[in-house]
Amino acid sequence: MSGVLFDTSIYMAAFRQGDAAILGLRGALRTGDRQARPMWLSVVVLEELYVGAVDPKARRNLQHMERQFAKIGRLLVPASGDWTSAGHVLCKIGQKYGFNLVSNARLTNDAVIAMCVASRGFTLQTKNPRDFRLIAEFRHFDWQTV
C-alpha cells in the first residue's frame, strides 16, 4: 500500500500560519495522480517537531498526533536498512560535494526520511526541496514540492 508522508517543513509552515488542523490529518490524501493514499507520520519528522515544541500546548498536540498515528498503525519507524541506505547516500554526497555538507544533522534526518519513503514506495511532500533534491541525485524516491 502506498502512502503519503509530510516532511517537517509542511507541518512547520502550517503551524506558523496558525493552522493546527494539520495535526488531525490522518485520512487518505489525493496526490498529483489523483490516487487516494493514506497519510503516515515519520518518527524522524516527529522528533524534529518535538525539538521546536517549546510550550506545553505544542507538546500536548504533538503527543496526541503521535498517539493517533500509532493507534491506526501509521507511525513510520526507520528500519536498519533505511539507516544504512542513508549512510551510503550520504557517503556519495560527501564524495561529490564535500563531507562538510553531510555533517549537518538535518541532512542526515532527511536522508533517513527519504530512504524510508523509497523502501516503502511512499510519496514525500515537502516545502523545502533542497536536501531532497540532493538526496534524489543518488537514490530515487518519489517526492513533491508543495
N, C-alpha and C. Protein backbone atom coordinates (compact mmCIF):
# COMPACT_ATOMS: atom_id res chain seq x y z
N MET A 1 0.85 -1.18 0.00
CA MET A 1 0.00 0.00 0.00
C MET A 1 0.90 1.24 0.00
N SER A 2 0.69 2.10 -0.95
CA SER A 2 1.49 3.33 -0.99
C SER A 2 0.88 4.36 -0.05
N GLY A 3 1.72 5.24 0.43
CA GLY A 3 1.26 6.25 1.36
C GLY A 3 1.89 7.60 1.07
N VAL A 4 1.43 8.59 1.79
CA VAL A 4 1.95 9.95 1.69
C VAL A 4 2.53 10.33 3.05
N LEU A 5 3.67 10.97 3.00
CA LEU A 5 4.33 11.40 4.23
C LEU A 5 4.69 12.88 4.09
N PHE A 6 4.33 13.68 5.06
CA PHE A 6 4.73 15.09 5.07
C PHE A 6 6.09 15.22 5.74
N ASP A 7 6.93 16.05 5.15
CA ASP A 7 8.18 16.44 5.78
C ASP A 7 7.88 17.47 6.87
N THR A 8 8.83 17.68 7.74
CA THR A 8 8.69 18.65 8.83
C THR A 8 8.29 20.03 8.30
N SER A 9 8.80 20.41 7.14
CA SER A 9 8.54 21.75 6.59
C SER A 9 7.05 21.99 6.35
N ILE A 10 6.30 20.97 6.02
CA ILE A 10 4.85 21.11 5.81
C ILE A 10 4.16 21.44 7.13
N TYR A 11 4.50 20.68 8.16
CA TYR A 11 3.90 20.93 9.48
C TYR A 11 4.30 22.31 10.00
N MET A 12 5.57 22.67 9.86
CA MET A 12 6.04 23.96 10.38
C MET A 12 5.36 25.12 9.67
N ALA A 13 5.18 25.03 8.36
CA ALA A 13 4.50 26.10 7.62
C ALA A 13 3.07 26.26 8.12
N ALA A 14 2.39 25.14 8.37
CA ALA A 14 1.02 25.20 8.87
C ALA A 14 0.98 25.81 10.27
N PHE A 15 1.90 25.41 11.14
CA PHE A 15 1.94 25.96 12.50
C PHE A 15 2.18 27.46 12.48
N ARG A 16 3.09 27.91 11.62
CA ARG A 16 3.39 29.35 11.53
C ARG A 16 2.19 30.15 11.08
N GLN A 17 1.32 29.52 10.29
CA GLN A 17 0.11 30.19 9.82
C GLN A 17 -1.05 30.00 10.79
N GLY A 18 -0.79 29.36 11.92
CA GLY A 18 -1.83 29.14 12.92
C GLY A 18 -2.80 28.03 12.54
N ASP A 19 -2.42 27.15 11.62
CA ASP A 19 -3.29 26.08 11.15
C ASP A 19 -2.98 24.79 11.89
N ALA A 20 -3.66 24.57 13.00
CA ALA A 20 -3.45 23.35 13.79
C ALA A 20 -4.23 22.18 13.21
N ALA A 21 -5.08 22.42 12.22
CA ALA A 21 -5.87 21.34 11.62
C ALA A 21 -4.99 20.26 11.00
N ILE A 22 -3.78 20.63 10.62
CA ILE A 22 -2.87 19.66 10.02
C ILE A 22 -2.57 18.51 10.98
N LEU A 23 -2.67 18.78 12.27
CA LEU A 23 -2.42 17.74 13.27
C LEU A 23 -3.45 16.62 13.18
N GLY A 24 -4.62 16.93 12.64
CA GLY A 24 -5.68 15.93 12.55
C GLY A 24 -5.71 15.16 11.25
N LEU A 25 -4.83 15.47 10.31
CA LEU A 25 -4.82 14.77 9.03
C LEU A 25 -4.27 13.36 9.20
N ARG A 26 -5.11 12.40 8.99
CA ARG A 26 -4.67 11.01 9.04
C ARG A 26 -5.35 10.18 7.96
N GLY A 27 -6.33 10.76 7.29
CA GLY A 27 -7.06 10.03 6.26
C GLY A 27 -6.27 9.93 4.97
N ALA A 28 -6.94 9.57 3.92
CA ALA A 28 -6.30 9.44 2.62
C ALA A 28 -6.22 10.81 1.95
N LEU A 29 -5.08 11.06 1.33
CA LEU A 29 -4.87 12.29 0.58
C LEU A 29 -4.83 11.96 -0.90
N ARG A 30 -5.22 12.91 -1.71
CA ARG A 30 -5.08 12.74 -3.15
C ARG A 30 -3.80 13.42 -3.58
N THR A 31 -2.98 12.69 -4.30
CA THR A 31 -1.72 13.23 -4.79
C THR A 31 -1.89 13.64 -6.24
N GLY A 32 -0.81 14.04 -6.88
CA GLY A 32 -0.87 14.53 -8.25
C GLY A 32 -1.52 13.56 -9.21
N ASP A 33 -1.43 12.27 -8.96
CA ASP A 33 -2.03 11.29 -9.86
C ASP A 33 -3.49 10.98 -9.49
N ARG A 34 -4.03 11.74 -8.57
CA ARG A 34 -5.43 11.65 -8.13
C ARG A 34 -5.75 10.37 -7.35
N GLN A 35 -4.75 9.60 -7.05
CA GLN A 35 -4.95 8.37 -6.29
C GLN A 35 -5.01 8.71 -4.81
N ALA A 36 -5.99 8.17 -4.11
CA ALA A 36 -6.09 8.39 -2.67
C ALA A 36 -5.05 7.52 -1.97
N ARG A 37 -4.26 8.13 -1.11
CA ARG A 37 -3.21 7.41 -0.39
C ARG A 37 -3.28 7.76 1.09
N PRO A 38 -3.06 6.78 1.96
CA PRO A 38 -3.13 7.07 3.40
C PRO A 38 -1.94 7.91 3.87
N MET A 39 -2.22 8.76 4.83
CA MET A 39 -1.18 9.59 5.47
C MET A 39 -0.40 8.75 6.47
N TRP A 40 0.91 8.99 6.52
CA TRP A 40 1.79 8.38 7.50
C TRP A 40 2.55 9.48 8.22
N LEU A 41 3.02 9.20 9.42
CA LEU A 41 3.85 10.13 10.18
C LEU A 41 5.17 9.45 10.48
N SER A 42 6.26 10.07 10.05
CA SER A 42 7.60 9.56 10.33
C SER A 42 8.02 9.94 11.74
N VAL A 43 8.61 8.99 12.46
CA VAL A 43 9.12 9.33 13.79
C VAL A 43 10.29 10.30 13.70
N VAL A 44 10.97 10.34 12.56
CA VAL A 44 12.05 11.32 12.37
C VAL A 44 11.45 12.72 12.28
N VAL A 45 10.36 12.87 11.53
CA VAL A 45 9.65 14.15 11.46
C VAL A 45 9.13 14.51 12.85
N LEU A 46 8.57 13.55 13.53
CA LEU A 46 8.05 13.79 14.88
C LEU A 46 9.15 14.29 15.81
N GLU A 47 10.33 13.69 15.74
CA GLU A 47 11.47 14.14 16.55
C GLU A 47 11.80 15.60 16.24
N GLU A 48 11.83 15.94 14.96
CA GLU A 48 12.14 17.33 14.58
C GLU A 48 11.07 18.29 15.09
N LEU A 49 9.82 17.86 15.08
CA LEU A 49 8.74 18.70 15.59
C LEU A 49 8.84 18.88 17.10
N TYR A 50 9.19 17.82 17.82
CA TYR A 50 9.37 17.93 19.27
C TYR A 50 10.49 18.90 19.63
N VAL A 51 11.52 18.97 18.82
CA VAL A 51 12.62 19.91 19.08
C VAL A 51 12.08 21.34 19.15
N GLY A 52 11.11 21.65 18.29
CA GLY A 52 10.57 23.01 18.26
C GLY A 52 9.35 23.22 19.15
N ALA A 53 8.91 22.19 19.84
CA ALA A 53 7.71 22.30 20.69
C ALA A 53 8.11 22.83 22.06
N VAL A 54 8.24 24.15 22.15
CA VAL A 54 8.78 24.75 23.37
C VAL A 54 7.74 25.04 24.44
N ASP A 55 6.46 24.99 24.09
CA ASP A 55 5.46 25.24 25.12
C ASP A 55 4.62 23.98 25.36
N PRO A 56 4.01 23.88 26.54
CA PRO A 56 3.25 22.67 26.90
C PRO A 56 2.12 22.33 25.92
N LYS A 57 1.43 23.34 25.40
CA LYS A 57 0.33 23.07 24.47
C LYS A 57 0.85 22.42 23.20
N ALA A 58 1.95 22.92 22.68
CA ALA A 58 2.53 22.34 21.46
C ALA A 58 2.93 20.89 21.71
N ARG A 59 3.54 20.62 22.85
CA ARG A 59 3.94 19.24 23.17
C ARG A 59 2.72 18.32 23.31
N ARG A 60 1.68 18.81 23.95
CA ARG A 60 0.45 18.01 24.08
C ARG A 60 -0.15 17.70 22.71
N ASN A 61 -0.17 18.71 21.84
CA ASN A 61 -0.71 18.49 20.49
C ASN A 61 0.09 17.43 19.74
N LEU A 62 1.41 17.49 19.85
CA LEU A 62 2.25 16.50 19.18
C LEU A 62 2.06 15.11 19.78
N GLN A 63 1.94 15.04 21.11
CA GLN A 63 1.72 13.75 21.75
C GLN A 63 0.40 13.14 21.29
N HIS A 64 -0.61 13.98 21.15
CA HIS A 64 -1.91 13.50 20.67
C HIS A 64 -1.78 12.98 19.23
N MET A 65 -1.11 13.75 18.38
CA MET A 65 -0.92 13.33 16.99
C MET A 65 -0.15 12.01 16.94
N GLU A 66 0.89 11.90 17.74
CA GLU A 66 1.68 10.67 17.78
C GLU A 66 0.81 9.47 18.19
N ARG A 67 0.01 9.63 19.22
CA ARG A 67 -0.87 8.54 19.68
C ARG A 67 -1.87 8.13 18.60
N GLN A 68 -2.42 9.14 17.90
CA GLN A 68 -3.42 8.84 16.88
C GLN A 68 -2.81 8.06 15.71
N PHE A 69 -1.63 8.46 15.25
CA PHE A 69 -0.98 7.72 14.17
C PHE A 69 -0.58 6.32 14.63
N ALA A 70 -0.11 6.20 15.86
CA ALA A 70 0.26 4.88 16.39
C ALA A 70 -0.98 3.98 16.49
N LYS A 71 -2.09 4.55 16.91
CA LYS A 71 -3.33 3.80 17.08
C LYS A 71 -3.81 3.18 15.76
N ILE A 72 -3.61 3.89 14.66
CA ILE A 72 -4.06 3.36 13.36
C ILE A 72 -2.94 2.65 12.61
N GLY A 73 -1.79 2.50 13.27
CA GLY A 73 -0.69 1.74 12.67
C GLY A 73 0.02 2.44 11.54
N ARG A 74 0.06 3.77 11.59
CA ARG A 74 0.73 4.51 10.52
C ARG A 74 1.82 5.44 11.04
N LEU A 75 2.54 4.97 12.03
CA LEU A 75 3.73 5.66 12.52
C LEU A 75 4.92 4.98 11.84
N LEU A 76 5.64 5.72 11.02
CA LEU A 76 6.72 5.15 10.21
C LEU A 76 8.04 5.21 10.97
N VAL A 77 8.55 4.04 11.34
CA VAL A 77 9.80 3.92 12.09
C VAL A 77 10.86 3.38 11.13
N PRO A 78 11.99 4.08 10.99
CA PRO A 78 13.03 3.60 10.08
C PRO A 78 13.57 2.23 10.49
N ALA A 79 13.74 1.38 9.50
CA ALA A 79 14.35 0.07 9.72
C ALA A 79 15.87 0.21 9.61
N SER A 80 16.59 -0.81 10.03
CA SER A 80 18.06 -0.74 9.95
C SER A 80 18.52 -0.50 8.52
N GLY A 81 17.83 -1.09 7.55
CA GLY A 81 18.19 -0.87 6.15
C GLY A 81 18.02 0.57 5.70
N ASP A 82 17.04 1.26 6.26
CA ASP A 82 16.86 2.69 5.94
C ASP A 82 18.06 3.49 6.43
N TRP A 83 18.54 3.17 7.63
CA TRP A 83 19.69 3.88 8.18
C TRP A 83 20.95 3.60 7.37
N THR A 84 21.17 2.33 7.02
CA THR A 84 22.39 2.02 6.27
C THR A 84 22.32 2.58 4.86
N SER A 85 21.14 2.56 4.23
CA SER A 85 21.00 3.18 2.91
C SER A 85 21.27 4.68 2.98
N ALA A 86 20.79 5.31 4.04
CA ALA A 86 21.06 6.74 4.23
C ALA A 86 22.56 6.99 4.35
N GLY A 87 23.26 6.11 5.07
CA GLY A 87 24.72 6.24 5.19
C GLY A 87 25.41 6.13 3.84
N HIS A 88 24.97 5.20 3.00
CA HIS A 88 25.56 5.05 1.67
C HIS A 88 25.33 6.30 0.82
N VAL A 89 24.11 6.82 0.86
CA VAL A 89 23.78 8.02 0.09
C VAL A 89 24.59 9.21 0.60
N LEU A 90 24.68 9.38 1.91
CA LEU A 90 25.44 10.49 2.47
C LEU A 90 26.92 10.39 2.11
N CYS A 91 27.45 9.18 2.04
CA CYS A 91 28.83 8.99 1.61
C CYS A 91 29.02 9.49 0.18
N LYS A 92 28.08 9.13 -0.70
CA LYS A 92 28.17 9.57 -2.10
C LYS A 92 28.06 11.09 -2.20
N ILE A 93 27.17 11.68 -1.41
CA ILE A 93 27.04 13.14 -1.40
C ILE A 93 28.35 13.76 -0.93
N GLY A 94 28.92 13.21 0.14
CA GLY A 94 30.19 13.71 0.66
C GLY A 94 31.31 13.61 -0.36
N GLN A 95 31.38 12.50 -1.08
CA GLN A 95 32.42 12.32 -2.09
C GLN A 95 32.29 13.33 -3.21
N LYS A 96 31.06 13.64 -3.59
CA LYS A 96 30.86 14.57 -4.71
C LYS A 96 30.90 16.03 -4.29
N TYR A 97 30.31 16.35 -3.13
CA TYR A 97 30.13 17.75 -2.75
C TYR A 97 30.92 18.17 -1.51
N GLY A 98 31.59 17.24 -0.88
CA GLY A 98 32.37 17.57 0.32
C GLY A 98 31.69 17.06 1.58
N PHE A 99 32.50 16.54 2.47
CA PHE A 99 31.95 15.93 3.68
C PHE A 99 31.47 16.95 4.71
N ASN A 100 31.83 18.22 4.55
CA ASN A 100 31.26 19.25 5.43
C ASN A 100 29.75 19.30 5.28
N LEU A 101 29.28 19.08 4.06
CA LEU A 101 27.84 19.12 3.79
C LEU A 101 27.10 18.02 4.54
N VAL A 102 27.68 16.83 4.61
CA VAL A 102 26.96 15.70 5.22
C VAL A 102 27.09 15.66 6.74
N SER A 103 27.84 16.56 7.32
CA SER A 103 27.93 16.61 8.78
C SER A 103 26.72 17.30 9.40
N ASN A 104 25.83 17.82 8.58
CA ASN A 104 24.63 18.51 9.03
C ASN A 104 23.57 17.48 9.46
N ALA A 105 23.12 17.56 10.70
CA ALA A 105 22.13 16.60 11.22
C ALA A 105 20.83 16.66 10.43
N ARG A 106 20.46 17.83 9.96
CA ARG A 106 19.22 17.96 9.19
C ARG A 106 19.30 17.11 7.92
N LEU A 107 20.45 17.13 7.25
CA LEU A 107 20.60 16.33 6.03
C LEU A 107 20.53 14.84 6.36
N THR A 108 21.11 14.44 7.48
CA THR A 108 21.03 13.03 7.89
C THR A 108 19.58 12.64 8.13
N ASN A 109 18.84 13.46 8.85
CA ASN A 109 17.42 13.18 9.08
C ASN A 109 16.67 13.06 7.76
N ASP A 110 16.91 14.01 6.85
CA ASP A 110 16.21 13.98 5.56
C ASP A 110 16.60 12.75 4.74
N ALA A 111 17.85 12.32 4.83
CA ALA A 111 18.26 11.11 4.12
C ALA A 111 17.54 9.88 4.67
N VAL A 112 17.40 9.80 5.99
CA VAL A 112 16.68 8.67 6.59
C VAL A 112 15.21 8.70 6.18
N ILE A 113 14.61 9.88 6.20
CA ILE A 113 13.21 10.01 5.76
C ILE A 113 13.08 9.56 4.30
N ALA A 114 13.98 10.02 3.45
CA ALA A 114 13.93 9.66 2.02
C ALA A 114 14.08 8.15 1.82
N MET A 115 14.97 7.52 2.59
CA MET A 115 15.16 6.07 2.44
C MET A 115 13.92 5.30 2.90
N CYS A 116 13.27 5.78 3.96
CA CYS A 116 12.01 5.17 4.41
C CYS A 116 10.95 5.25 3.31
N VAL A 117 10.85 6.41 2.71
CA VAL A 117 9.88 6.64 1.63
C VAL A 117 10.21 5.73 0.44
N ALA A 118 11.49 5.67 0.06
CA ALA A 118 11.91 4.87 -1.09
C ALA A 118 11.64 3.38 -0.86
N SER A 119 11.97 2.89 0.31
CA SER A 119 11.85 1.45 0.56
C SER A 119 10.40 0.99 0.67
N ARG A 120 9.49 1.92 0.90
CA ARG A 120 8.09 1.54 1.06
C ARG A 120 7.21 1.99 -0.10
N GLY A 121 7.79 2.69 -1.07
CA GLY A 121 7.01 3.16 -2.21
C GLY A 121 6.06 4.30 -1.88
N PHE A 122 6.39 5.08 -0.87
CA PHE A 122 5.57 6.21 -0.46
C PHE A 122 5.94 7.45 -1.28
N THR A 123 5.14 8.50 -1.12
CA THR A 123 5.42 9.81 -1.70
C THR A 123 5.68 10.78 -0.56
N LEU A 124 6.78 11.50 -0.64
CA LEU A 124 7.13 12.52 0.34
C LEU A 124 6.69 13.87 -0.20
N GLN A 125 6.05 14.67 0.64
CA GLN A 125 5.71 16.04 0.27
C GLN A 125 6.48 16.98 1.18
N THR A 126 7.05 18.04 0.57
CA THR A 126 7.88 18.98 1.31
C THR A 126 7.69 20.39 0.79
N LYS A 127 8.00 21.35 1.62
CA LYS A 127 8.07 22.75 1.20
C LYS A 127 9.52 23.19 1.08
N ASN A 128 10.45 22.31 1.42
CA ASN A 128 11.87 22.63 1.40
C ASN A 128 12.60 21.57 0.58
N PRO A 129 12.66 21.74 -0.73
CA PRO A 129 13.18 20.68 -1.59
C PRO A 129 14.70 20.54 -1.65
N ARG A 130 15.45 21.47 -1.09
CA ARG A 130 16.90 21.49 -1.28
C ARG A 130 17.56 20.15 -0.93
N ASP A 131 17.37 19.67 0.28
CA ASP A 131 18.01 18.42 0.70
C ASP A 131 17.49 17.23 -0.11
N PHE A 132 16.19 17.19 -0.36
CA PHE A 132 15.62 16.04 -1.05
C PHE A 132 16.05 15.99 -2.52
N ARG A 133 16.23 17.13 -3.12
CA ARG A 133 16.75 17.17 -4.50
C ARG A 133 18.16 16.58 -4.53
N LEU A 134 18.96 16.95 -3.55
CA LEU A 134 20.33 16.44 -3.45
C LEU A 134 20.33 14.92 -3.21
N ILE A 135 19.52 14.46 -2.30
CA ILE A 135 19.44 13.03 -1.99
C ILE A 135 18.96 12.24 -3.21
N ALA A 136 17.96 12.78 -3.92
CA ALA A 136 17.41 12.09 -5.09
C ALA A 136 18.43 11.94 -6.21
N GLU A 137 19.47 12.74 -6.19
CA GLU A 137 20.53 12.61 -7.17
C GLU A 137 21.24 11.26 -7.04
N PHE A 138 21.20 10.68 -5.85
CA PHE A 138 21.92 9.43 -5.58
C PHE A 138 21.02 8.24 -5.27
N ARG A 139 19.75 8.49 -4.96
CA ARG A 139 18.80 7.40 -4.67
C ARG A 139 17.42 7.87 -5.07
N HIS A 140 16.82 7.18 -6.03
CA HIS A 140 15.49 7.57 -6.49
C HIS A 140 14.45 7.33 -5.39
N PHE A 141 13.56 8.29 -5.22
CA PHE A 141 12.38 8.14 -4.38
C PHE A 141 11.35 9.14 -4.87
N ASP A 142 10.10 8.89 -4.56
CA ASP A 142 9.00 9.73 -5.04
C ASP A 142 8.82 10.90 -4.07
N TRP A 143 8.99 12.11 -4.56
CA TRP A 143 8.82 13.28 -3.71
C TRP A 143 8.25 14.43 -4.53
N GLN A 144 7.58 15.34 -3.84
CA GLN A 144 6.95 16.50 -4.47
C GLN A 144 7.16 17.73 -3.61
N THR A 145 7.37 18.85 -4.29
CA THR A 145 7.37 20.13 -3.60
C THR A 145 5.94 20.66 -3.66
N VAL A 146 5.40 21.07 -2.51
CA VAL A 146 4.03 21.59 -2.47
C VAL A 146 4.04 23.02 -1.96
